Amino acid sequence: FSNNNLLRHNHPSSPLCTTVLIEDQCRRLNVGWGEGKVVVIWALFEYLFFAIYLFMTWTVLALNVLVENEILALPKDMRARLARITSLIEQHGFEGLPRETVKHLDEKLWELRITGRDGISRAIYVTATGKRMVIVRVFIKKTQKTPKNELEIARQRAKEIR
């Protein structure tokens, strides 16, 4: 390729630009193109991994049928609010949520705070590999503090996640 082609194809997703970046990396490491095949393969792997990771979206799942039934037991307005929050997470990630919507509980457990006309409820979840959010417990909250038995149920269920 000529220098003119380099100037026209310098977008990071362009294969030519990737090749130029790898050649620059080899020069910086003082490794020749022929000797640096491992470096080249590693650089391509890193490039592809981060390109794919940036475009991955979150997936929200209920752990099992018990959790699905807990969601269905919520009042209609709270179910709608939970559906809206999980939709925002799937579309924009957690950055798209208002700050007061998510709270860290302990270790791997987090909660989504859901309010409705009939009170407040919580959906306790964990995050898993592959940008998965797995809801492990849903309940209507009746006290100021999250009950210990609800946290214990969530911890036990979270152990099932791989």
N, C-alpha and C. Protein backbone atom coordinates (compact mmCIF):
# COMPACT_ATOMS: atom_id res chain seq x y z
N PHE A 1 0.84 -1.19 0.00
CA PHE A 1 0.00 0.00 0.00
C PHE A 1 0.87 1.24 0.00
N SER A 2 0.37 2.26 -0.63
CA SER A 2 1.13 3.52 -0.66
C SER A 2 0.77 4.35 0.56
N ASN A 3 1.52 5.40 0.79
CA ASN A 3 1.22 6.30 1.90
C ASN A 3 -0.15 6.94 1.74
N ASN A 4 -0.59 7.17 0.49
CA ASN A 4 -1.92 7.73 0.28
C ASN A 4 -3.00 6.80 0.83
N ASN A 5 -2.83 5.51 0.61
CA ASN A 5 -3.80 4.55 1.14
C ASN A 5 -3.80 4.56 2.67
N LEU A 6 -2.63 4.73 3.27
CA LEU A 6 -2.56 4.79 4.73
C LEU A 6 -3.34 5.98 5.25
N LEU A 7 -3.26 7.09 4.56
CA LEU A 7 -3.98 8.28 5.00
C LEU A 7 -5.49 8.09 4.84
N ARG A 8 -5.92 7.39 3.81
CA ARG A 8 -7.34 7.21 3.57
C ARG A 8 -7.95 6.13 4.46
N HIS A 9 -7.18 5.20 4.93
CA HIS A 9 -7.70 4.06 5.70
C HIS A 9 -7.16 4.05 7.13
N ASN A 10 -7.27 5.16 7.81
CA ASN A 10 -6.69 5.18 9.16
C ASN A 10 -7.73 5.06 10.26
N HIS A 11 -8.92 4.61 9.94
CA HIS A 11 -9.92 4.35 10.97
C HIS A 11 -9.49 3.12 11.76
N PRO A 12 -9.63 3.14 13.12
CA PRO A 12 -9.15 2.01 13.93
C PRO A 12 -9.72 0.66 13.55
N SER A 13 -10.93 0.62 12.97
CA SER A 13 -11.50 -0.67 12.61
C SER A 13 -11.01 -1.16 11.25
N SER A 14 -10.26 -0.34 10.55
CA SER A 14 -9.75 -0.72 9.24
C SER A 14 -8.64 -1.77 9.39
N PRO A 15 -8.69 -2.87 8.62
CA PRO A 15 -7.63 -3.88 8.70
C PRO A 15 -6.25 -3.30 8.43
N LEU A 16 -6.18 -2.33 7.51
CA LEU A 16 -4.90 -1.70 7.20
C LEU A 16 -4.36 -0.94 8.41
N CYS A 17 -5.24 -0.20 9.08
CA CYS A 17 -4.82 0.53 10.26
C CYS A 17 -4.35 -0.44 11.34
N THR A 18 -5.05 -1.55 11.52
CA THR A 18 -4.66 -2.55 12.50
C THR A 18 -3.27 -3.09 12.18
N THR A 19 -3.01 -3.36 10.90
CA THR A 19 -1.70 -3.86 10.49
C THR A 19 -0.62 -2.83 10.81
N VAL A 20 -0.90 -1.56 10.52
CA VAL A 20 0.07 -0.50 10.79
C VAL A 20 0.32 -0.40 12.29
N LEU A 21 -0.75 -0.51 13.10
CA LEU A 21 -0.59 -0.45 14.55
C LEU A 21 0.27 -1.61 15.05
N ILE A 22 0.06 -2.79 14.49
CA ILE A 22 0.85 -3.96 14.89
C ILE A 22 2.31 -3.79 14.48
N GLU A 23 2.54 -3.28 13.27
CA GLU A 23 3.91 -3.04 12.83
C GLU A 23 4.60 -2.04 13.76
N ASP A 24 3.87 -0.99 14.16
CA ASP A 24 4.44 -0.01 15.10
C ASP A 24 4.76 -0.66 16.44
N GLN A 25 3.87 -1.52 16.90
CA GLN A 25 4.10 -2.24 18.17
C GLN A 25 5.37 -3.09 18.06
N CYS A 26 5.55 -3.80 16.94
CA CYS A 26 6.74 -4.63 16.74
C CYS A 26 8.00 -3.75 16.76
N ARG A 27 7.94 -2.59 16.11
CA ARG A 27 9.09 -1.69 16.11
C ARG A 27 9.42 -1.23 17.53
N ARG A 28 8.39 -0.87 18.31
CA ARG A 28 8.63 -0.41 19.68
C ARG A 28 9.24 -1.51 20.54
N LEU A 29 8.84 -2.75 20.31
CA LEU A 29 9.39 -3.87 21.08
C LEU A 29 10.71 -4.37 20.51
N ASN A 30 11.15 -3.74 19.42
CA ASN A 30 12.39 -4.11 18.74
C ASN A 30 12.33 -5.57 18.27
N VAL A 31 11.17 -5.95 17.71
CA VAL A 31 10.96 -7.29 17.20
C VAL A 31 10.62 -7.15 15.73
N GLY A 32 11.26 -7.91 14.89
CA GLY A 32 10.96 -7.87 13.46
C GLY A 32 9.61 -8.49 13.15
N TRP A 33 9.03 -8.10 12.03
CA TRP A 33 7.71 -8.61 11.63
C TRP A 33 7.73 -10.14 11.55
N GLY A 34 8.78 -10.72 10.99
CA GLY A 34 8.87 -12.18 10.87
C GLY A 34 9.04 -12.84 12.22
N GLU A 35 9.88 -12.22 13.10
CA GLU A 35 10.11 -12.79 14.42
C GLU A 35 8.92 -12.56 15.34
N GLY A 36 8.13 -11.58 15.06
CA GLY A 36 7.09 -11.16 16.00
C GLY A 36 5.72 -11.73 15.73
N LYS A 37 5.64 -12.93 15.17
CA LYS A 37 4.33 -13.50 14.88
C LYS A 37 3.49 -13.67 16.13
N VAL A 38 4.10 -14.04 17.23
CA VAL A 38 3.36 -14.18 18.47
C VAL A 38 2.85 -12.81 18.92
N VAL A 39 3.70 -11.80 18.79
CA VAL A 39 3.30 -10.44 19.14
C VAL A 39 2.13 -10.00 18.27
N VAL A 40 2.22 -10.30 16.99
CA VAL A 40 1.16 -9.92 16.05
C VAL A 40 -0.14 -10.62 16.41
N ILE A 41 -0.08 -11.91 16.67
CA ILE A 41 -1.28 -12.66 17.01
C ILE A 41 -1.88 -12.12 18.31
N TRP A 42 -1.04 -11.86 19.29
CA TRP A 42 -1.53 -11.32 20.57
C TRP A 42 -2.16 -9.95 20.37
N ALA A 43 -1.53 -9.10 19.58
CA ALA A 43 -2.07 -7.76 19.34
C ALA A 43 -3.42 -7.85 18.64
N LEU A 44 -3.55 -8.75 17.68
CA LEU A 44 -4.84 -8.94 17.01
C LEU A 44 -5.90 -9.45 17.97
N PHE A 45 -5.51 -10.38 18.82
CA PHE A 45 -6.44 -10.91 19.82
C PHE A 45 -6.95 -9.80 20.73
N GLU A 46 -6.02 -8.99 21.27
CA GLU A 46 -6.41 -7.88 22.14
C GLU A 46 -7.34 -6.92 21.42
N TYR A 47 -7.01 -6.59 20.20
CA TYR A 47 -7.80 -5.66 19.41
C TYR A 47 -9.22 -6.20 19.22
N LEU A 48 -9.33 -7.44 18.81
CA LEU A 48 -10.65 -8.04 18.58
C LEU A 48 -11.43 -8.20 19.87
N PHE A 49 -10.77 -8.62 20.95
CA PHE A 49 -11.44 -8.81 22.23
C PHE A 49 -12.09 -7.51 22.70
N PHE A 50 -11.32 -6.42 22.69
CA PHE A 50 -11.86 -5.15 23.17
C PHE A 50 -12.91 -4.59 22.22
N ALA A 51 -12.75 -4.81 20.92
CA ALA A 51 -13.77 -4.36 19.96
C ALA A 51 -15.08 -5.08 20.22
N ILE A 52 -15.03 -6.39 20.46
CA ILE A 52 -16.25 -7.16 20.74
C ILE A 52 -16.83 -6.77 22.09
N TYR A 53 -15.97 -6.62 23.10
CA TYR A 53 -16.44 -6.29 24.45
C TYR A 53 -17.18 -4.96 24.47
N LEU A 54 -16.69 -3.98 23.72
CA LEU A 54 -17.33 -2.67 23.71
C LEU A 54 -18.74 -2.74 23.16
N PHE A 55 -19.00 -3.66 22.24
CA PHE A 55 -20.30 -3.73 21.62
C PHE A 55 -21.23 -4.75 22.28
N MET A 56 -20.73 -5.47 23.29
CA MET A 56 -21.59 -6.40 24.01
C MET A 56 -22.58 -5.62 24.87
N THR A 57 -23.80 -6.10 24.94
CA THR A 57 -24.79 -5.47 25.79
C THR A 57 -25.07 -6.38 26.97
N TRP A 58 -25.66 -5.82 28.00
CA TRP A 58 -26.02 -6.60 29.17
C TRP A 58 -27.24 -7.45 28.87
N THR A 59 -27.28 -8.62 29.47
CA THR A 59 -28.43 -9.50 29.42
C THR A 59 -28.95 -9.65 30.84
N VAL A 60 -30.24 -9.46 31.02
CA VAL A 60 -30.86 -9.58 32.34
C VAL A 60 -31.67 -10.87 32.36
N LEU A 61 -31.41 -11.70 33.38
CA LEU A 61 -32.07 -13.00 33.50
C LEU A 61 -32.62 -13.18 34.91
N ALA A 62 -33.71 -13.92 35.02
CA ALA A 62 -34.17 -14.40 36.31
C ALA A 62 -33.49 -15.75 36.53
N LEU A 63 -33.02 -16.01 37.73
CA LEU A 63 -32.26 -17.23 38.01
C LEU A 63 -33.05 -18.49 37.67
N ASN A 64 -34.32 -18.53 38.08
CA ASN A 64 -35.13 -19.74 37.87
C ASN A 64 -36.61 -19.39 37.94
N VAL A 65 -37.45 -20.41 37.93
CA VAL A 65 -38.91 -20.22 37.95
C VAL A 65 -39.35 -19.56 39.25
N LEU A 66 -38.69 -19.89 40.36
CA LEU A 66 -39.04 -19.25 41.64
C LEU A 66 -38.93 -17.74 41.55
N VAL A 67 -37.85 -17.27 40.96
CA VAL A 67 -37.63 -15.82 40.82
C VAL A 67 -38.66 -15.23 39.85
N GLU A 68 -38.95 -15.94 38.78
CA GLU A 68 -39.97 -15.47 37.84
C GLU A 68 -41.32 -15.33 38.53
N ASN A 69 -41.66 -16.29 39.41
CA ASN A 69 -42.92 -16.21 40.16
C ASN A 69 -42.91 -15.05 41.15
N GLU A 70 -41.74 -14.78 41.75
CA GLU A 70 -41.64 -13.63 42.65
C GLU A 70 -41.88 -12.33 41.89
N ILE A 71 -41.37 -12.25 40.68
CA ILE A 71 -41.60 -11.06 39.85
C ILE A 71 -43.08 -10.93 39.51
N LEU A 72 -43.70 -12.04 39.13
CA LEU A 72 -45.13 -12.02 38.79
C LEU A 72 -46.00 -11.67 39.99
N ALA A 73 -45.53 -11.93 41.21
CA ALA A 73 -46.29 -11.63 42.42
C ALA A 73 -46.26 -10.14 42.78
N LEU A 74 -45.37 -9.39 42.16
CA LEU A 74 -45.31 -7.95 42.43
C LEU A 74 -46.56 -7.27 41.90
N PRO A 75 -46.97 -6.16 42.53
CA PRO A 75 -48.07 -5.38 41.96
C PRO A 75 -47.72 -4.92 40.54
N LYS A 76 -48.74 -4.69 39.74
CA LYS A 76 -48.57 -4.38 38.32
C LYS A 76 -47.63 -3.19 38.09
N ASP A 77 -47.78 -2.12 38.87
CA ASP A 77 -46.93 -0.94 38.66
C ASP A 77 -45.46 -1.22 38.97
N MET A 78 -45.21 -2.06 39.96
CA MET A 78 -43.82 -2.41 40.30
C MET A 78 -43.22 -3.34 39.25
N ARG A 79 -44.03 -4.26 38.71
CA ARG A 79 -43.54 -5.12 37.61
C ARG A 79 -43.16 -4.27 36.41
N ALA A 80 -44.00 -3.27 36.12
CA ALA A 80 -43.72 -2.39 34.98
C ALA A 80 -42.44 -1.60 35.23
N ARG A 81 -42.24 -1.13 36.44
CA ARG A 81 -41.03 -0.38 36.78
C ARG A 81 -39.80 -1.27 36.66
N LEU A 82 -39.88 -2.50 37.17
CA LEU A 82 -38.77 -3.45 37.05
C LEU A 82 -38.46 -3.73 35.58
N ALA A 83 -39.50 -3.92 34.78
CA ALA A 83 -39.30 -4.16 33.34
C ALA A 83 -38.60 -2.97 32.69
N ARG A 84 -38.98 -1.76 33.08
CA ARG A 84 -38.36 -0.55 32.51
C ARG A 84 -36.88 -0.46 32.91
N ILE A 85 -36.59 -0.72 34.17
CA ILE A 85 -35.20 -0.66 34.66
C ILE A 85 -34.34 -1.70 33.95
N THR A 86 -34.83 -2.93 33.84
CA THR A 86 -34.03 -3.97 33.19
C THR A 86 -33.85 -3.68 31.70
N SER A 87 -34.86 -3.06 31.10
CA SER A 87 -34.74 -2.67 29.69
C SER A 87 -33.64 -1.62 29.51
N LEU A 88 -33.59 -0.65 30.43
CA LEU A 88 -32.53 0.37 30.38
C LEU A 88 -31.15 -0.27 30.53
N ILE A 89 -31.04 -1.25 31.42
CA ILE A 89 -29.76 -1.94 31.62
C ILE A 89 -29.34 -2.67 30.35
N GLU A 90 -30.29 -3.36 29.72
CA GLU A 90 -29.97 -4.09 28.49
C GLU A 90 -29.59 -3.15 27.35
N GLN A 91 -30.19 -1.98 27.29
CA GLN A 91 -29.92 -1.04 26.20
C GLN A 91 -28.68 -0.17 26.44
N HIS A 92 -28.51 0.29 27.69
CA HIS A 92 -27.46 1.28 27.96
C HIS A 92 -26.47 0.87 29.05
N GLY A 93 -26.68 -0.26 29.67
CA GLY A 93 -25.83 -0.66 30.78
C GLY A 93 -26.27 0.06 32.05
N PHE A 94 -25.52 -0.12 33.11
CA PHE A 94 -25.88 0.47 34.39
C PHE A 94 -25.68 1.98 34.41
N GLU A 95 -24.89 2.49 33.46
CA GLU A 95 -24.66 3.93 33.38
C GLU A 95 -25.94 4.68 33.04
N GLY A 96 -26.90 4.00 32.42
CA GLY A 96 -28.15 4.64 32.01
C GLY A 96 -29.17 4.76 33.13
N LEU A 97 -28.85 4.25 34.32
CA LEU A 97 -29.80 4.28 35.43
C LEU A 97 -29.56 5.47 36.35
N PRO A 98 -30.63 5.97 36.97
CA PRO A 98 -30.44 6.98 38.02
C PRO A 98 -29.64 6.37 39.17
N ARG A 99 -28.82 7.17 39.80
CA ARG A 99 -27.91 6.68 40.84
C ARG A 99 -28.63 5.96 41.98
N GLU A 100 -29.78 6.45 42.40
CA GLU A 100 -30.49 5.87 43.54
C GLU A 100 -31.18 4.54 43.22
N THR A 101 -31.13 4.10 41.98
CA THR A 101 -31.79 2.86 41.57
C THR A 101 -31.02 1.61 42.00
N VAL A 102 -29.69 1.72 42.08
CA VAL A 102 -28.84 0.56 42.38
C VAL A 102 -28.08 0.79 43.68
N LYS A 103 -28.01 -0.25 44.50
CA LYS A 103 -27.25 -0.16 45.75
C LYS A 103 -26.50 -1.47 45.98
N HIS A 104 -25.23 -1.35 46.41
CA HIS A 104 -24.44 -2.53 46.75
C HIS A 104 -24.85 -3.00 48.14
N LEU A 105 -25.09 -4.30 48.28
CA LEU A 105 -25.48 -4.85 49.58
C LEU A 105 -24.28 -5.45 50.31
N ASP A 106 -23.71 -6.50 49.75
CA ASP A 106 -22.49 -7.08 50.29
C ASP A 106 -21.92 -8.07 49.29
N GLU A 107 -20.65 -8.29 49.37
CA GLU A 107 -19.94 -9.21 48.48
C GLU A 107 -20.41 -9.03 47.04
N LYS A 108 -21.06 -10.04 46.47
CA LYS A 108 -21.49 -9.97 45.07
C LYS A 108 -22.93 -9.48 44.91
N LEU A 109 -23.63 -9.27 46.01
CA LEU A 109 -25.05 -8.93 45.94
C LEU A 109 -25.27 -7.43 45.76
N TRP A 110 -26.18 -7.12 44.83
CA TRP A 110 -26.61 -5.74 44.56
C TRP A 110 -28.12 -5.74 44.55
N GLU A 111 -28.73 -4.56 44.72
CA GLU A 111 -30.18 -4.50 44.65
C GLU A 111 -30.64 -3.40 43.71
N LEU A 112 -31.75 -3.69 43.04
CA LEU A 112 -32.48 -2.69 42.26
C LEU A 112 -33.60 -2.20 43.16
N ARG A 113 -33.71 -0.89 43.30
CA ARG A 113 -34.74 -0.32 44.16
C ARG A 113 -35.94 0.06 43.29
N ILE A 114 -37.06 -0.54 43.61
CA ILE A 114 -38.27 -0.36 42.81
C ILE A 114 -39.34 0.27 43.70
N THR A 115 -39.89 1.38 43.26
CA THR A 115 -40.97 2.02 44.00
C THR A 115 -42.24 2.00 43.17
N GLY A 116 -43.35 1.96 43.88
CA GLY A 116 -44.65 1.96 43.22
C GLY A 116 -45.69 2.55 44.14
N ARG A 117 -46.93 2.61 43.67
CA ARG A 117 -48.01 3.18 44.49
C ARG A 117 -48.25 2.36 45.75
N ASP A 118 -48.00 1.05 45.66
CA ASP A 118 -48.28 0.16 46.79
C ASP A 118 -47.10 -0.03 47.73
N GLY A 119 -46.03 0.71 47.55
CA GLY A 119 -44.89 0.58 48.44
C GLY A 119 -43.59 0.46 47.67
N ILE A 120 -42.64 -0.25 48.28
CA ILE A 120 -41.34 -0.44 47.65
C ILE A 120 -41.01 -1.93 47.59
N SER A 121 -40.25 -2.28 46.59
CA SER A 121 -39.78 -3.67 46.48
C SER A 121 -38.33 -3.64 46.07
N ARG A 122 -37.71 -4.80 46.16
CA ARG A 122 -36.31 -4.93 45.81
C ARG A 122 -36.11 -6.15 44.94
N ALA A 123 -35.19 -6.03 43.99
CA ALA A 123 -34.74 -7.16 43.18
C ALA A 123 -33.25 -7.30 43.46
N ILE A 124 -32.87 -8.36 44.13
CA ILE A 124 -31.46 -8.59 44.44
C ILE A 124 -30.85 -9.38 43.28
N TYR A 125 -29.67 -8.94 42.85
CA TYR A 125 -29.04 -9.57 41.69
C TYR A 125 -27.54 -9.68 41.88
N VAL A 126 -26.93 -10.48 41.02
CA VAL A 126 -25.47 -10.58 40.92
C VAL A 126 -25.12 -10.38 39.45
N THR A 127 -23.89 -9.96 39.21
CA THR A 127 -23.42 -9.89 37.83
C THR A 127 -22.54 -11.11 37.57
N ALA A 128 -22.62 -11.62 36.36
CA ALA A 128 -21.88 -12.82 36.00
C ALA A 128 -21.10 -12.56 34.71
N THR A 129 -20.22 -13.48 34.38
CA THR A 129 -19.41 -13.32 33.17
C THR A 129 -20.28 -13.18 31.94
N GLY A 130 -19.75 -12.48 30.97
CA GLY A 130 -20.48 -12.27 29.73
C GLY A 130 -21.51 -11.16 29.84
N LYS A 131 -21.29 -10.22 30.76
CA LYS A 131 -22.21 -9.10 30.97
C LYS A 131 -23.63 -9.60 31.22
N ARG A 132 -23.76 -10.53 32.17
CA ARG A 132 -25.07 -11.03 32.57
C ARG A 132 -25.42 -10.49 33.94
N MET A 133 -26.64 -10.03 34.07
CA MET A 133 -27.20 -9.64 35.36
C MET A 133 -28.24 -10.70 35.69
N VAL A 134 -28.05 -11.40 36.80
CA VAL A 134 -28.95 -12.49 37.17
C VAL A 134 -29.69 -12.09 38.44
N ILE A 135 -31.02 -11.97 38.32
CA ILE A 135 -31.85 -11.63 39.48
C ILE A 135 -32.07 -12.91 40.28
N VAL A 136 -31.72 -12.85 41.58
CA VAL A 136 -31.80 -14.05 42.42
C VAL A 136 -32.92 -14.00 43.46
N ARG A 137 -33.44 -12.80 43.74
CA ARG A 137 -34.52 -12.69 44.74
C ARG A 137 -35.28 -11.39 44.51
N VAL A 138 -36.61 -11.48 44.57
CA VAL A 138 -37.47 -10.31 44.44
C VAL A 138 -38.49 -10.36 45.58
N PHE A 139 -38.67 -9.22 46.26
CA PHE A 139 -39.62 -9.20 47.38
C PHE A 139 -40.11 -7.78 47.60
N ILE A 140 -41.28 -7.68 48.28
CA ILE A 140 -41.80 -6.38 48.68
C ILE A 140 -41.19 -6.05 50.03
N LYS A 141 -40.65 -4.86 50.12
CA LYS A 141 -39.94 -4.47 51.33
C LYS A 141 -40.92 -3.82 52.32
N LYS A 142 -40.89 -4.30 53.57
CA LYS A 142 -41.81 -3.80 54.58
C LYS A 142 -41.10 -3.06 55.71
N THR A 143 -39.78 -3.19 55.77
CA THR A 143 -39.01 -2.52 56.83
C THR A 143 -37.97 -1.61 56.19
N GLN A 144 -37.40 -0.74 57.01
CA GLN A 144 -36.39 0.20 56.52
C GLN A 144 -35.15 -0.53 56.00
N LYS A 145 -34.70 -1.53 56.75
CA LYS A 145 -33.49 -2.27 56.40
C LYS A 145 -33.87 -3.56 55.67
N THR A 146 -33.00 -4.00 54.73
CA THR A 146 -33.25 -5.25 54.03
C THR A 146 -33.15 -6.41 55.04
N PRO A 147 -34.22 -7.22 55.17
CA PRO A 147 -34.22 -8.31 56.16
C PRO A 147 -33.08 -9.31 55.90
N LYS A 148 -32.49 -9.79 56.98
CA LYS A 148 -31.38 -10.74 56.88
C LYS A 148 -31.79 -12.03 56.17
N ASN A 149 -33.03 -12.49 56.39
CA ASN A 149 -33.44 -13.74 55.74
C ASN A 149 -33.54 -13.56 54.22
N GLU A 150 -33.88 -12.37 53.74
CA GLU A 150 -33.91 -12.11 52.30
C GLU A 150 -32.49 -12.15 51.72
N LEU A 151 -31.55 -11.57 52.46
CA LEU A 151 -30.15 -11.61 52.03
C LEU A 151 -29.62 -13.04 52.01
N GLU A 152 -30.00 -13.83 53.00
CA GLU A 152 -29.54 -15.22 53.06
C GLU A 152 -30.10 -16.04 51.90
N ILE A 153 -31.37 -15.83 51.58
CA ILE A 153 -31.96 -16.52 50.43
C ILE A 153 -31.21 -16.14 49.16
N ALA A 154 -30.93 -14.85 49.00
CA ALA A 154 -30.21 -14.36 47.82
C ALA A 154 -28.80 -14.96 47.75
N ARG A 155 -28.11 -15.03 48.87
CA ARG A 155 -26.75 -15.62 48.89
C ARG A 155 -26.79 -17.09 48.47
N GLN A 156 -27.74 -17.84 49.00
CA GLN A 156 -27.85 -19.26 48.66
C GLN A 156 -28.13 -19.44 47.17
N ARG A 157 -29.03 -18.64 46.64
CA ARG A 157 -29.36 -18.75 45.23
C ARG A 157 -28.20 -18.31 44.34
N ALA A 158 -27.46 -17.32 44.79
CA ALA A 158 -26.32 -16.82 44.01
C ALA A 158 -25.25 -17.90 43.81
N LYS A 159 -25.18 -18.84 44.74
CA LYS A 159 -24.20 -19.93 44.62
C LYS A 159 -24.48 -20.83 43.42
N GLU A 160 -25.71 -20.79 42.90
CA GLU A 160 -26.08 -21.63 41.75
C GLU A 160 -25.55 -21.08 40.43
N ILE A 161 -25.14 -19.83 40.42
CA ILE A 161 -24.75 -19.17 39.17
C ILE A 161 -23.33 -19.55 38.80
N ARG A 162 -23.12 -19.84 37.53
CA ARG A 162 -21.79 -20.18 37.01
C ARG A 162 -21.27 -19.06 36.18
